[in-house]
Amino acid sequence: MTETIQAERVTLYDLIDKFNFKLSENPAFFREWQDNLPEINEREKQQLHRVKNNYFNLAMRPMVEDMFNN
C-alpha cells in the first residue's frame, strides 16, 4: 500500500531517510543555474559556503513543532 504525505509535511530529512537521497556536490548539477552569472570574490564564496553548510545542517534535522509552541 502506498503512503500519501502532504507536500508541506515532507522534510529533507524524510527524503533522505525514506528514499536514500544524497546531496550532490557535482558543480555541473543544474548547470542552467550557474551559467552567465557575475563573478564573486573569495570572501563572498566563503560566506556562501558557510550559509550552505548551516542550511543543510538545519535542514537535515527533523523539527519537532512542540519545541516552538511552548
Protein backbone atom coordinates (compact mmCIF):
# COMPACT_ATOMS: atom_id res chain seq x y z
CA MET A 1 0.00 0.00 0.00
CA THR A 2 1.27 3.46 -0.90
CA GLU A 3 1.51 6.09 1.81
CA THR A 4 0.48 9.62 0.84
CA ILE A 5 2.12 12.53 2.64
CA GLN A 6 1.07 16.15 2.24
CA ALA A 7 3.81 18.14 0.49
CA GLU A 8 4.06 20.74 3.27
CA ARG A 9 4.83 17.98 5.77
CA VAL A 10 7.73 16.46 3.79
CA THR A 11 11.18 17.40 5.06
CA LEU A 12 14.62 16.97 3.58
CA TYR A 13 15.29 14.50 6.38
CA ASP A 14 12.25 12.42 5.30
CA LEU A 15 13.52 12.22 1.71
CA ILE A 16 16.98 11.16 2.80
CA ASP A 17 15.68 8.66 5.33
CA LYS A 18 12.93 7.05 3.24
CA PHE A 19 14.35 7.30 -0.27
CA ASN A 20 18.10 7.32 0.40
CA PHE A 21 18.54 10.66 -1.36
CA LYS A 22 22.06 12.04 -1.37
CA LEU A 23 23.39 15.57 -1.64
CA SER A 24 25.14 16.18 -4.94
CA GLU A 25 28.33 18.24 -4.78
CA ASN A 26 28.74 17.98 -8.55
CA PRO A 27 29.31 21.52 -9.87
CA ALA A 28 27.65 20.57 -13.19
CA PHE A 29 24.37 19.69 -11.47
CA PHE A 30 21.70 22.21 -12.61
CA ARG A 31 24.16 23.88 -14.92
CA GLU A 32 21.48 26.38 -16.09
CA TRP A 33 21.52 27.94 -12.61
CA GLN A 34 25.22 28.74 -12.91
CA ASP A 35 25.76 29.99 -16.46
CA ASN A 36 26.11 33.69 -17.29
CA LEU A 37 26.44 34.84 -13.67
CA PRO A 38 28.78 37.59 -12.47
CA GLU A 39 31.98 36.51 -10.73
CA ILE A 40 32.08 36.70 -6.93
CA ASN A 41 35.14 37.32 -4.81
CA GLU A 42 36.74 34.92 -2.35
CA ARG A 43 35.04 36.46 0.68
CA GLU A 44 31.61 36.08 -0.94
CA LYS A 45 32.42 32.45 -1.80
CA GLN A 46 33.33 31.77 1.84
CA GLN A 47 30.11 33.39 3.05
CA LEU A 48 28.00 31.36 0.61
CA HIS A 49 29.77 28.18 1.68
CA ARG A 50 29.00 28.94 5.34
CA VAL A 51 25.34 29.68 4.58
CA LYS A 52 25.05 26.44 2.58
CA ASN A 53 26.58 24.38 5.39
CA ASN A 54 24.36 25.99 8.02
CA TYR A 55 21.25 25.46 5.90
CA PHE A 56 21.94 21.78 5.30
CA ASN A 57 22.84 21.26 8.94
CA LEU A 58 19.43 22.63 9.98
CA ALA A 59 17.51 21.02 7.12
CA MET A 60 18.81 17.55 7.92
CA ARG A 61 17.28 17.56 11.40
CA PRO A 62 13.57 16.85 11.76
CA MET A 63 11.94 19.67 13.71
CA VAL A 64 9.51 18.97 16.49
CA GLU A 65 6.72 21.53 16.30
CA ASP A 66 6.08 21.47 20.06
CA MET A 67 9.55 22.93 20.68
CA PHE A 68 8.37 26.23 19.19
CA ASN A 69 4.83 26.33 20.51
CA ASN A 70 5.76 26.36 24.21
